[in-house]
PDB file of all heavy atoms in Angstrom:
ATOM      1  N   PRO A   1       0.773  -1.242   0.028  1.00  0.00           N
ATOM      2  CA  PRO A   1       0.029  -0.009  -0.044  1.00  0.00           C
ATOM      3  C   PRO A   1       0.898   1.231  -0.011  1.00  0.00           C
ATOM      4  O   PRO A   1       2.059   1.264   0.427  1.00  0.00           O
ATOM      5  CB  PRO A   1      -0.815  -0.116   1.305  1.00  0.00           C
ATOM      6  CG  PRO A   1      -0.732  -1.613   1.651  1.00  0.00           C
ATOM      7  CD  PRO A   1       0.541  -2.033   1.112  1.00  0.00           C
ATOM      8  N   GLU A   2       0.373   2.334  -0.481  1.00  0.00           N
ATOM      9  CA  GLU A   2       1.122   3.550  -0.611  1.00  0.00           C
ATOM     10  C   GLU A   2       1.934   4.018   0.569  1.00  0.00           C
ATOM     11  O   GLU A   2       3.131   4.288   0.470  1.00  0.00           O
ATOM     12  CB  GLU A   2       0.215   4.754  -1.129  1.00  0.00           C
ATOM     13  CG  GLU A   2       0.939   6.015  -1.479  1.00  0.00           C
ATOM     14  CD  GLU A   2       2.108   5.931  -2.371  1.00  0.00           C
ATOM     15  OE1 GLU A   2       1.942   5.101  -3.352  1.00  0.00           O
ATOM     16  OE2 GLU A   2       3.082   6.644  -2.144  1.00  0.00           O
ATOM     17  N   HIS A   3       1.140   4.002   1.802  1.00  0.00           N
ATOM     18  CA  HIS A   3       1.881   4.601   2.936  1.00  0.00           C
ATOM     19  C   HIS A   3       3.047   3.599   3.393  1.00  0.00           C
ATOM     20  O   HIS A   3       4.048   4.098   3.852  1.00  0.00           O
ATOM     21  CB  HIS A   3       0.925   4.734   4.119  1.00  0.00           C
ATOM     22  CG  HIS A   3       0.293   3.525   4.558  1.00  0.00           C
ATOM     23  ND1 HIS A   3      -0.728   2.751   3.956  1.00  0.00           N
ATOM     24  CD2 HIS A   3       0.498   2.799   5.787  1.00  0.00           C
ATOM     25  CE1 HIS A   3      -1.005   1.676   4.613  1.00  0.00           C
ATOM     26  NE2 HIS A   3      -0.286   1.729   5.780  1.00  0.00           N
ATOM     27  N   ARG A   4       2.808   2.360   3.230  1.00  0.00           N
ATOM     28  CA  ARG A   4       3.844   1.287   3.565  1.00  0.00           C
ATOM     29  C   ARG A   4       4.932   1.333   2.556  1.00  0.00           C
ATOM     30  O   ARG A   4       6.155   1.207   2.884  1.00  0.00           O
ATOM     31  CB  ARG A   4       3.317  -0.032   3.641  1.00  0.00           C
ATOM     32  CG  ARG A   4       2.560  -0.266   5.039  1.00  0.00           C
ATOM     33  CD  ARG A   4       2.120  -1.805   5.138  1.00  0.00           C
ATOM     34  NE  ARG A   4       1.592  -2.080   6.473  1.00  0.00           N
ATOM     35  CZ  ARG A   4       2.363  -2.440   7.474  1.00  0.00           C
ATOM     36  NH1 ARG A   4       3.661  -2.630   7.245  1.00  0.00           N
ATOM     37  NH2 ARG A   4       1.885  -2.700   8.721  1.00  0.00           N
ATOM     38  N   ALA A   5       4.646   1.593   1.306  1.00  0.00           N
ATOM     39  CA  ALA A   5       5.688   1.673   0.227  1.00  0.00           C
ATOM     40  C   ALA A   5       6.600   2.804   0.438  1.00  0.00           C
ATOM     41  O   ALA A   5       7.764   2.675   0.281  1.00  0.00           O
ATOM     42  CB  ALA A   5       4.952   1.804  -1.143  1.00  0.00           C
ATOM     43  N   ARG A   6       5.942   3.923   0.880  1.00  0.00           N
ATOM     44  CA  ARG A   6       6.782   5.144   1.283  1.00  0.00           C
ATOM     45  C   ARG A   6       7.773   4.830   2.361  1.00  0.00           C
ATOM     46  O   ARG A   6       8.940   5.158   2.315  1.00  0.00           O
ATOM     47  CB  ARG A   6       5.968   6.249   1.454  1.00  0.00           C
ATOM     48  CG  ARG A   6       6.747   7.594   1.698  1.00  0.00           C
ATOM     49  CD  ARG A   6       5.848   8.846   1.846  1.00  0.00           C
ATOM     50  NE  ARG A   6       5.041   8.708   3.026  1.00  0.00           N
ATOM     51  CZ  ARG A   6       3.635   8.449   3.133  1.00  0.00           C
ATOM     52  NH1 ARG A   6       2.970   8.208   1.922  1.00  0.00           N
ATOM     53  NH2 ARG A   6       3.003   8.280   4.184  1.00  0.00           N
ATOM     54  N   ILE A   7       7.285   4.176   3.469  1.00  0.00           N
ATOM     55  CA  ILE A   7       8.146   3.900   4.547  1.00  0.00           C
ATOM     56  C   ILE A   7       9.213   2.870   4.164  1.00  0.00           C
ATOM     57  O   ILE A   7      10.342   3.062   4.526  1.00  0.00           O
ATOM     58  CB  ILE A   7       7.305   3.273   5.695  1.00  0.00           C
ATOM     59  CG1 ILE A   7       6.324   4.269   6.255  1.00  0.00           C
ATOM     60  CG2 ILE A   7       8.154   2.734   6.804  1.00  0.00           C
ATOM     61  CD1 ILE A   7       5.306   3.700   7.301  1.00  0.00           C
ATOM     62  N   ALA A   8       8.806   1.893   3.282  1.00  0.00           N
ATOM     63  CA  ALA A   8       9.889   0.919   2.858  1.00  0.00           C
ATOM     64  C   ALA A   8      10.912   1.612   2.041  1.00  0.00           C
ATOM     65  O   ALA A   8      12.222   1.273   2.168  1.00  0.00           O
ATOM     66  CB  ALA A   8       9.214  -0.211   2.109  1.00  0.00           C
ATOM     67  N   ARG A   9      10.568   2.596   1.156  1.00  0.00           N
ATOM     68  CA  ARG A   9      11.569   3.222   0.370  1.00  0.00           C
ATOM     69  C   ARG A   9      12.543   4.044   1.365  1.00  0.00           C
ATOM     70  O   ARG A   9      13.743   4.097   1.101  1.00  0.00           O
ATOM     71  CB  ARG A   9      10.862   4.211  -0.545  1.00  0.00           C
ATOM     72  CG  ARG A   9      10.328   3.553  -1.799  1.00  0.00           C
ATOM     73  CD  ARG A   9      10.117   4.603  -2.945  1.00  0.00           C
ATOM     74  NE  ARG A   9       9.233   5.656  -2.471  1.00  0.00           N
ATOM     75  CZ  ARG A   9       7.906   5.699  -2.675  1.00  0.00           C
ATOM     76  NH1 ARG A   9       7.288   4.612  -3.076  1.00  0.00           N
ATOM     77  NH2 ARG A   9       7.171   6.707  -2.190  1.00  0.00           N
ATOM     78  N   GLN A  10      11.876   4.745   2.266  1.00  0.00           N
ATOM     79  CA  GLN A  10      12.666   5.575   3.179  1.00  0.00           C
ATOM     80  C   GLN A  10      13.615   4.651   4.061  1.00  0.00           C
ATOM     81  O   GLN A  10      14.797   5.046   4.183  1.00  0.00           O
ATOM     82  CB  GLN A  10      11.835   6.355   4.135  1.00  0.00           C
ATOM     83  CG  GLN A  10      11.059   7.446   3.452  1.00  0.00           C
ATOM     84  CD  GLN A  10       9.956   8.039   4.371  1.00  0.00           C
ATOM     85  OE1 GLN A  10       9.642   7.486   5.448  1.00  0.00           O
ATOM     86  NE2 GLN A  10       9.336   9.166   3.983  1.00  0.00           N
ATOM     87  N   VAL A  11      13.145   3.568   4.567  1.00  0.00           N
ATOM     88  CA  VAL A  11      13.982   2.625   5.226  1.00  0.00           C
ATOM     89  C   VAL A  11      15.150   2.027   4.351  1.00  0.00           C
ATOM     90  O   VAL A  11      16.372   2.043   4.659  1.00  0.00           O
ATOM     91  CB  VAL A  11      13.167   1.445   5.832  1.00  0.00           C
ATOM     92  CG1 VAL A  11      14.103   0.286   6.342  1.00  0.00           C
ATOM     93  CG2 VAL A  11      12.189   1.840   6.784  1.00  0.00           C
ATOM     94  N   GLY A  12      14.808   1.625   3.173  1.00  0.00           N
ATOM     95  CA  GLY A  12      15.746   1.120   2.213  1.00  0.00           C
ATOM     96  C   GLY A  12      16.853   2.074   1.857  1.00  0.00           C
ATOM     97  O   GLY A  12      18.034   1.754   1.875  1.00  0.00           O
ATOM     98  N   LEU A  13      16.589   3.318   1.558  1.00  0.00           N
ATOM     99  CA  LEU A  13      17.527   4.370   1.209  1.00  0.00           C
ATOM    100  C   LEU A  13      18.313   4.876   2.396  1.00  0.00           C
ATOM    101  O   LEU A  13      19.501   5.142   2.357  1.00  0.00           O
ATOM    102  CB  LEU A  13      16.864   5.545   0.543  1.00  0.00           C
ATOM    103  CG  LEU A  13      16.280   5.146  -0.860  1.00  0.00           C
ATOM    104  CD1 LEU A  13      15.590   6.237  -1.632  1.00  0.00           C
ATOM    105  CD2 LEU A  13      17.462   4.760  -1.833  1.00  0.00           C
ATOM    106  N   ALA A  14      17.669   4.912   3.547  1.00  0.00           N
ATOM    107  CA  ALA A  14      18.416   5.201   4.787  1.00  0.00           C
ATOM    108  C   ALA A  14      19.509   4.116   5.046  1.00  0.00           C
ATOM    109  O   ALA A  14      20.574   4.454   5.531  1.00  0.00           O
ATOM    110  CB  ALA A  14      17.373   5.326   5.925  1.00  0.00           C
ATOM    111  N   LEU A  15      19.109   2.882   4.941  1.00  0.00           N
ATOM    112  CA  LEU A  15      20.043   1.855   5.037  1.00  0.00           C
ATOM    113  C   LEU A  15      21.199   1.786   4.033  1.00  0.00           C
ATOM    114  O   LEU A  15      22.397   1.606   4.429  1.00  0.00           O
ATOM    115  CB  LEU A  15      19.321   0.432   4.979  1.00  0.00           C
ATOM    116  CG  LEU A  15      18.475   0.177   6.131  1.00  0.00           C
ATOM    117  CD1 LEU A  15      17.569  -1.150   5.761  1.00  0.00           C
ATOM    118  CD2 LEU A  15      19.266  -0.051   7.362  1.00  0.00           C
ATOM    119  N   ALA A  16      20.856   2.321   2.807  1.00  0.00           N
ATOM    120  CA  ALA A  16      21.913   2.401   1.792  1.00  0.00           C
ATOM    121  C   ALA A  16      22.817   3.466   2.234  1.00  0.00           C
ATOM    122  O   ALA A  16      24.106   3.314   2.103  1.00  0.00           O
ATOM    123  CB  ALA A  16      21.218   2.684   0.495  1.00  0.00           C
ATOM    124  N   LEU A  17      22.415   4.582   2.761  1.00  0.00           N
ATOM    125  CA  LEU A  17      23.290   5.698   3.267  1.00  0.00           C
ATOM    126  C   LEU A  17      24.180   5.167   4.396  1.00  0.00           C
ATOM    127  O   LEU A  17      25.262   5.375   4.453  1.00  0.00           O
ATOM    128  CB  LEU A  17      22.472   6.856   3.660  1.00  0.00           C
ATOM    129  CG  LEU A  17      23.141   7.985   4.262  1.00  0.00           C
ATOM    130  CD1 LEU A  17      24.203   8.640   3.239  1.00  0.00           C
ATOM    131  CD2 LEU A  17      22.219   9.123   4.719  1.00  0.00           C
ATOM    132  N   VAL A  18      23.506   4.504   5.406  1.00  0.00           N
ATOM    133  CA  VAL A  18      24.189   4.004   6.568  1.00  0.00           C
ATOM    134  C   VAL A  18      25.270   3.062   6.118  1.00  0.00           C
ATOM    135  O   VAL A  18      26.498   3.095   6.668  1.00  0.00           O
ATOM    136  CB  VAL A  18      23.131   3.341   7.598  1.00  0.00           C
ATOM    137  CG1 VAL A  18      23.988   2.657   8.704  1.00  0.00           C
ATOM    138  CG2 VAL A  18      22.424   4.416   8.115  1.00  0.00           C
ATOM    139  N   PHE A  19      25.007   2.097   5.362  1.00  0.00           N
ATOM    140  CA  PHE A  19      25.922   1.106   5.001  1.00  0.00           C
ATOM    141  C   PHE A  19      27.145   1.679   4.272  1.00  0.00           C
ATOM    142  O   PHE A  19      28.316   1.368   4.535  1.00  0.00           O
ATOM    143  CB  PHE A  19      25.313  -0.018   4.056  1.00  0.00           C
ATOM    144  CG  PHE A  19      24.494  -0.999   4.739  1.00  0.00           C
ATOM    145  CD1 PHE A  19      23.234  -1.340   4.125  1.00  0.00           C
ATOM    146  CD2 PHE A  19      24.735  -1.374   6.081  1.00  0.00           C
ATOM    147  CE1 PHE A  19      22.468  -2.329   4.745  1.00  0.00           C
ATOM    148  CE2 PHE A  19      23.884  -2.300   6.825  1.00  0.00           C
ATOM    149  CZ  PHE A  19      22.719  -2.753   6.202  1.00  0.00           C
ATOM    150  N   ARG A  20      26.959   2.718   3.343  1.00  0.00           N
ATOM    151  CA  ARG A  20      28.012   3.180   2.544  1.00  0.00           C
ATOM    152  C   ARG A  20      28.853   4.089   3.440  1.00  0.00           C
ATOM    153  O   ARG A  20      30.088   3.960   3.371  1.00  0.00           O
ATOM    154  CB  ARG A  20      27.418   4.173   1.558  1.00  0.00           C
ATOM    155  CG  ARG A  20      26.889   3.420   0.251  1.00  0.00           C
ATOM    156  CD  ARG A  20      26.004   4.201  -0.647  1.00  0.00           C
ATOM    157  NE  ARG A  20      25.792   3.567  -1.954  1.00  0.00           N
ATOM    158  CZ  ARG A  20      24.800   2.477  -2.149  1.00  0.00           C
ATOM    159  NH1 ARG A  20      24.231   2.089  -1.046  1.00  0.00           N
ATOM    160  NH2 ARG A  20      24.567   2.091  -3.341  1.00  0.00           N
ATOM    161  N   ILE A  21      28.274   4.840   4.334  1.00  0.00           N
ATOM    162  CA  ILE A  21      29.172   5.644   5.254  1.00  0.00           C
ATOM    163  C   ILE A  21      29.898   4.743   6.309  1.00  0.00           C
ATOM    164  O   ILE A  21      31.016   5.020   6.617  1.00  0.00           O
ATOM    165  CB  ILE A  21      28.309   6.650   6.024  1.00  0.00           C
ATOM    166  CG1 ILE A  21      27.729   7.762   5.150  1.00  0.00           C
ATOM    167  CG2 ILE A  21      29.082   7.404   7.099  1.00  0.00           C
ATOM    168  CD1 ILE A  21      26.849   8.766   5.750  1.00  0.00           C
ATOM    169  N   LEU A  22      29.196   3.676   6.758  1.00  0.00           N
ATOM    170  CA  LEU A  22      29.853   2.727   7.680  1.00  0.00           C
ATOM    171  C   LEU A  22      31.065   2.127   6.927  1.00  0.00           C
ATOM    172  O   LEU A  22      32.198   2.137   7.516  1.00  0.00           O
ATOM    173  CB  LEU A  22      28.916   1.726   8.085  1.00  0.00           C
ATOM    174  CG  LEU A  22      29.435   0.553   9.003  1.00  0.00           C
ATOM    175  CD1 LEU A  22      29.843   1.150  10.261  1.00  0.00           C
ATOM    176  CD2 LEU A  22      28.373  -0.539   9.193  1.00  0.00           C
ATOM    177  N   PHE A  23      30.891   1.749   5.765  1.00  0.00           N
ATOM    178  CA  PHE A  23      32.024   1.035   5.055  1.00  0.00           C
ATOM    179  C   PHE A  23      33.157   2.030   4.804  1.00  0.00           C
ATOM    180  O   PHE A  23      34.302   1.708   4.796  1.00  0.00           O
ATOM    181  CB  PHE A  23      31.521   0.458   3.649  1.00  0.00           C
ATOM    182  CG  PHE A  23      30.745  -0.713   3.753  1.00  0.00           C
ATOM    183  CD1 PHE A  23      29.776  -1.025   2.874  1.00  0.00           C
ATOM    184  CD2 PHE A  23      30.909  -1.590   4.886  1.00  0.00           C
ATOM    185  CE1 PHE A  23      28.993  -2.149   2.898  1.00  0.00           C
ATOM    186  CE2 PHE A  23      30.135  -2.731   4.988  1.00  0.00           C
ATOM    187  CZ  PHE A  23      29.149  -3.107   4.038  1.00  0.00           C
ATOM    188  N   LEU A  24      32.767   3.401   4.473  1.00  0.00           N
ATOM    189  CA  LEU A  24      33.744   4.376   4.330  1.00  0.00           C
ATOM    190  C   LEU A  24      34.718   4.589   5.600  1.00  0.00           C
ATOM    191  O   LEU A  24      35.873   4.730   5.437  1.00  0.00           O
ATOM    192  CB  LEU A  24      33.228   5.711   4.023  1.00  0.00           C
ATOM    193  CG  LEU A  24      32.690   5.871   2.509  1.00  0.00           C
ATOM    194  CD1 LEU A  24      32.073   7.242   2.386  1.00  0.00           C
ATOM    195  CD2 LEU A  24      33.912   5.885   1.581  1.00  0.00           C
ATOM    196  N   PHE A  25      34.074   4.451   6.746  1.00  0.00           N
ATOM    197  CA  PHE A  25      34.868   4.536   7.997  1.00  0.00           C
ATOM    198  C   PHE A  25      35.478   3.264   8.493  1.00  0.00           C
ATOM    199  O   PHE A  25      36.151   3.192   9.473  1.00  0.00           O
ATOM    200  CB  PHE A  25      33.944   5.118   9.107  1.00  0.00           C
ATOM    201  CG  PHE A  25      33.722   6.601   8.904  1.00  0.00           C
ATOM    202  CD1 PHE A  25      32.547   7.061   8.361  1.00  0.00           C
ATOM    203  CD2 PHE A  25      34.735   7.453   9.329  1.00  0.00           C
ATOM    204  CE1 PHE A  25      32.351   8.428   8.191  1.00  0.00           C
ATOM    205  CE2 PHE A  25      34.475   8.901   9.196  1.00  0.00           C
ATOM    206  CZ  PHE A  25      33.311   9.315   8.605  1.00  0.00           C
ATOM    207  N   THR A  26      35.352   2.271   7.602  1.00  0.00           N
ATOM    208  CA  THR A  26      36.032   0.939   7.896  1.00  0.00           C
ATOM    209  C   THR A  26      36.827   0.570   6.674  1.00  0.00           C
ATOM    210  O   THR A  26      36.755  -0.595   6.252  1.00  0.00           O
ATOM    211  CB  THR A  26      35.087  -0.148   8.327  1.00  0.00           C
ATOM    212  OG1 THR A  26      34.070  -0.244   7.228  1.00  0.00           O
ATOM    213  CG2 THR A  26      34.336   0.227   9.644  1.00  0.00           C
ATOM    214  N   LEU A  27      37.632   1.572   6.013  1.00  0.00           N
ATOM    215  CA  LEU A  27      38.268   1.267   4.881  1.00  0.00           C
ATOM    216  C   LEU A  27      39.313   0.087   4.971  1.00  0.00           C
ATOM    217  O   LEU A  27      39.429  -0.606   4.064  1.00  0.00           O
ATOM    218  CB  LEU A  27      38.986   2.537   4.473  1.00  0.00           C
ATOM    219  CG  LEU A  27      38.133   3.675   4.031  1.00  0.00           C
ATOM    220  CD1 LEU A  27      38.929   4.907   3.503  1.00  0.00           C
ATOM    221  CD2 LEU A  27      37.119   3.293   2.949  1.00  0.00           C
ATOM    222  N   THR A  28      40.023   0.090   6.141  1.00  0.00           N
ATOM    223  CA  THR A  28      40.987  -0.963   6.254  1.00  0.00           C
ATOM    224  C   THR A  28      40.339  -2.398   6.124  1.00  0.00           C
ATOM    225  O   THR A  28      40.817  -3.282   5.387  1.00  0.00           O
ATOM    226  CB  THR A  28      41.644  -0.843   7.612  1.00  0.00           C
ATOM    227  OG1 THR A  28      42.258   0.440   7.730  1.00  0.00           O
ATOM    228  CG2 THR A  28      42.815  -1.992   7.791  1.00  0.00           C
ATOM    229  N   TRP A  29      39.211  -2.525   6.951  1.00  0.00           N
ATOM    230  CA  TRP A  29      38.508  -3.825   6.895  1.00  0.00           C
ATOM    231  C   TRP A  29      37.948  -4.020   5.435  1.00  0.00           C
ATOM    232  O   TRP A  29      37.914  -5.103   4.910  1.00  0.00           O
ATOM    233  CB  TRP A  29      37.316  -3.814   7.835  1.00  0.00           C
ATOM    234  CG  TRP A  29      36.453  -5.028   7.729  1.00  0.00           C
ATOM    235  CD1 TRP A  29      36.670  -6.272   8.193  1.00  0.00           C
ATOM    236  CD2 TRP A  29      35.229  -5.038   7.008  1.00  0.00           C
ATOM    237  NE1 TRP A  29      35.569  -7.029   7.837  1.00  0.00           N
ATOM    238  CE2 TRP A  29      34.661  -6.423   7.028  1.00  0.00           C
ATOM    239  CE3 TRP A  29      34.385  -4.047   6.330  1.00  0.00           C
ATOM    240  CZ2 TRP A  29      33.551  -6.748   6.569  1.00  0.00           C
ATOM    241  CZ3 TRP A  29      33.297  -4.529   5.819  1.00  0.00           C
ATOM    242  CH2 TRP A  29      32.785  -5.706   5.891  1.00  0.00           C
ATOM    243  N   LEU A  30      37.432  -2.924   4.763  1.00  0.00           N
ATOM    244  CA  LEU A  30      36.831  -3.051   3.507  1.00  0.00           C
ATOM    245  C   LEU A  30      37.764  -3.457   2.420  1.00  0.00           C
ATOM    246  O   LEU A  30      37.629  -4.336   1.631  1.00  0.00           O
ATOM    247  CB  LEU A  30      36.099  -1.802   3.125  1.00  0.00           C
ATOM    248  CG  LEU A  30      35.294  -1.836   1.784  1.00  0.00           C
ATOM    249  CD1 LEU A  30      34.068  -2.747   1.965  1.00  0.00           C
ATOM    250  CD2 LEU A  30      34.722  -0.471   1.405  1.00  0.00           C
ATOM    251  N   MET A  31      38.936  -2.885   2.388  1.00  0.00           N
ATOM    252  CA  MET A  31      40.027  -3.221   1.529  1.00  0.00           C
ATOM    253  C   MET A  31      40.541  -4.746   1.774  1.00  0.00           C
ATOM    254  O   MET A  31      41.027  -5.369   0.890  1.00  0.00           O
ATOM    255  CB  MET A  31      41.191  -2.284   1.591  1.00  0.00           C
ATOM    256  CG  MET A  31      40.817  -0.838   1.064  1.00  0.00           C
ATOM    257  SD  MET A  31      39.942  -0.834  -0.547  1.00  0.00           S
ATOM    258  CE  MET A  31      41.277  -1.459  -1.622  1.00  0.00           C
ATOM    259  N   GLY A  32      40.345  -5.154   3.006  1.00  0.00           N
ATOM    260  CA  GLY A  32      40.754  -6.510   3.309  1.00  0.00           C
ATOM    261  C   GLY A  32      39.874  -7.471   2.617  1.00  0.00           C
ATOM    262  O   GLY A  32      40.218  -8.634   2.408  1.00  0.00           O
ATOM    263  N   LEU A  33      38.614  -7.080   2.127  1.00  0.00           N
ATOM    264  CA  LEU A  33      37.824  -7.888   1.351  1.00  0.00           C
ATOM    265  C   LEU A  33      38.287  -8.289   0.020  1.00  0.00           C
ATOM    266  O   LEU A  33      37.876  -9.179  -0.629  1.00  0.00           O
ATOM    267  CB  LEU A  33      36.432  -7.198   1.130  1.00  0.00           C
ATOM    268  CG  LEU A  33      35.564  -6.992   2.432  1.00  0.00           C
ATOM    269  CD1 LEU A  33      34.280  -6.252   2.018  1.00  0.00           C
ATOM    270  CD2 LEU A  33      35.224  -8.351   3.137  1.00  0.00           C
ATOM    271  N   THR A  34      39.413  -7.492  -0.470  1.00  0.00           N
ATOM    272  CA  THR A  34      40.045  -7.857  -1.788  1.00  0.00           C
ATOM    273  C   THR A  34      41.231  -8.652  -1.640  1.00  0.00           C
ATOM    274  O   THR A  34      41.904  -9.006  -2.663  1.00  0.00           O
ATOM    275  CB  THR A  34      40.270  -6.484  -2.542  1.00  0.00           C
ATOM    276  OG1 THR A  34      41.347  -5.763  -1.659  1.00  0.00           O
ATOM    277  CG2 THR A  34      39.109  -5.591  -2.760  1.00  0.00           C
ATOM    278  N   SER A  35      41.510  -9.096  -0.362  1.00  0.00           N
ATOM    279  CA  SER A  35      42.711  -9.966  -0.229  1.00  0.00           C
ATOM    280  C   SER A  35      42.243 -11.467  -0.690  1.00  0.00           C
ATOM    281  O   SER A  35      41.068 -11.866  -0.386  1.00  0.00           O
ATOM    282  CB  SER A  35      43.055 -10.020   1.232  1.00  0.00           C
ATOM    283  OG  SER A  35      43.417  -8.700   1.659  1.00  0.00           O
ATOM    284  N   THR A  36      43.165 -12.118  -1.297  1.00  0.00           N
ATOM    285  CA  THR A  36      42.953 -13.431  -1.853  1.00  0.00           C
ATOM    286  C   THR A  36      42.627 -14.462  -0.761  1.00  0.00           C
ATOM    287  O   THR A  36      43.354 -14.591   0.199  1.00  0.00           O
ATOM    288  CB  THR A  36      44.134 -13.903  -2.632  1.00  0.00           C
ATOM    289  OG1 THR A  36      44.278 -13.008  -3.715  1.00  0.00           O
ATOM    290  CG2 THR A  36      43.816 -15.357  -3.220  1.00  0.00           C
ATOM    291  N   LEU A  37      41.440 -15.102  -0.862  1.00  0.00           N
ATOM    292  CA  LEU A  37      41.052 -16.227  -0.047  1.00  0.00           C
ATOM    293  C   LEU A  37      41.559 -17.575  -0.529  1.00  0.00           C
ATOM    294  O   LEU A  37      42.252 -18.310   0.262  1.00  0.00           O
ATOM    295  CB  LEU A  37      39.541 -16.270   0.184  1.00  0.00           C
ATOM    296  CG  LEU A  37      38.895 -15.223   0.901  1.00  0.00           C
ATOM    297  CD1 LEU A  37      37.407 -15.344   0.811  1.00  0.00           C
ATOM    298  CD2 LEU A  37      39.356 -15.213   2.454  1.00  0.00           C
ATOM    299  N   PHE A  38      41.367 -17.811  -1.792  1.00  0.00           N
ATOM    300  CA  PHE A  38      41.825 -18.984  -2.483  1.00  0.00           C
ATOM    301  C   PHE A  38      41.877 -18.882  -3.871  1.00  0.00           C
ATOM    302  O   PHE A  38      41.439 -17.786  -4.396  1.00  0.00           O
ATOM    303  CB  PHE A  38      40.940 -20.155  -2.023  1.00  0.00           C
ATOM    304  CG  PHE A  38      39.389 -20.008  -2.299  1.00  0.00           C
ATOM    305  CD1 PHE A  38      38.933 -20.180  -3.509  1.00  0.00           C
ATOM    306  CD2 PHE A  38      38.642 -19.537  -1.303  1.00  0.00           C
ATOM    307  CE1 PHE A  38      37.574 -20.027  -3.710  1.00  0.00           C
ATOM    308  CE2 PHE A  38      37.281 -19.306  -1.432  1.00  0.00           C
ATOM    309  CZ  PHE A  38      36.754 -19.504  -2.706  1.00  0.00           C
ATOM    310  N   VAL A  39      42.374 -19.748  -4.624  1.00  0.00           N
ATOM    311  CA  VAL A  39      42.544 -19.675  -6.147  1.00  0.00           C
ATOM    312  C   VAL A  39      41.769 -20.794  -6.786  1.00  0.00           C
ATOM    313  O   VAL A  39      41.854 -21.929  -6.344  1.00  0.00           O
ATOM    314  CB  VAL A  39      43.984 -19.834  -6.531  1.00  0.00           C
ATOM    315  CG1 VAL A  39      44.228 -19.721  -7.969  1.00  0.00           C
ATOM    316  CG2 VAL A  39      44.817 -18.580  -5.835  1.00  0.00           C
ATOM    317  N   VAL A  40      41.017 -20.438  -7.844  1.00  0.00           N
ATOM    318  CA  VAL A  40      40.222 -21.527  -8.585  1.00  0.00           C
ATOM    319  C   VAL A  40      40.642 -21.347  -9.996  1.00  0.00           C
ATOM    320  O   VAL A  40      40.396 -20.265 -10.559  1.00  0.00           O
ATOM    321  CB  VAL A  40      38.695 -21.224  -8.322  1.00  0.00           C
ATOM    322  CG1 VAL A  40      37.892 -22.136  -9.250  1.00  0.00           C
ATOM    323  CG2 VAL A  40      38.340 -21.409  -6.885  1.00  0.00           C
ATOM    324  N   PHE A  41      41.108 -22.379 -10.556  1.00  0.00           N
ATOM    325  CA  PHE A  41      41.490 -22.350 -11.970  1.00  0.00           C
ATOM    326  C   PHE A  41      42.460 -21.193 -12.358  1.00  0.00           C
ATOM    327  O   PHE A  41      42.276 -20.546 -13.440  1.00  0.00           O
ATOM    328  CB  PHE A  41      40.313 -22.390 -12.919  1.00  0.00           C
ATOM    329  CG  PHE A  41      39.328 -23.625 -12.716  1.00  0.00           C
ATOM    330  CD1 PHE A  41      38.066 -23.349 -12.338  1.00  0.00           C
ATOM    331  CD2 PHE A  41      39.802 -24.927 -12.984  1.00  0.00           C
ATOM    332  CE1 PHE A  41      37.251 -24.523 -12.158  1.00  0.00           C
ATOM    333  CE2 PHE A  41      39.011 -25.996 -12.807  1.00  0.00           C
ATOM    334  CZ  PHE A  41      37.725 -25.794 -12.326  1.00  0.00           C
ATOM    335  N   GLY A  42      43.339 -20.836 -11.532  1.00  0.00           N
ATOM    336  CA  GLY A  42      44.262 -19.861 -11.712  1.00  0.00           C
ATOM    337  C   GLY A  42      43.743 -18.474 -11.333  1.00  0.00           C
ATOM    338  O   GLY A  42      44.457 -17.456 -11.447  1.00  0.00           O
TER     339      GLY A  42
END
């Protein structure tokens, strides 16, 4: 319904903002995500 859709959009985009800023302030951890875990077919 329209009122719930509006709330869901607000929640979704607020979370998008929170996650992005959170990741920006954890750059060391985030860049660690690009460290090699294992190798598959080279």
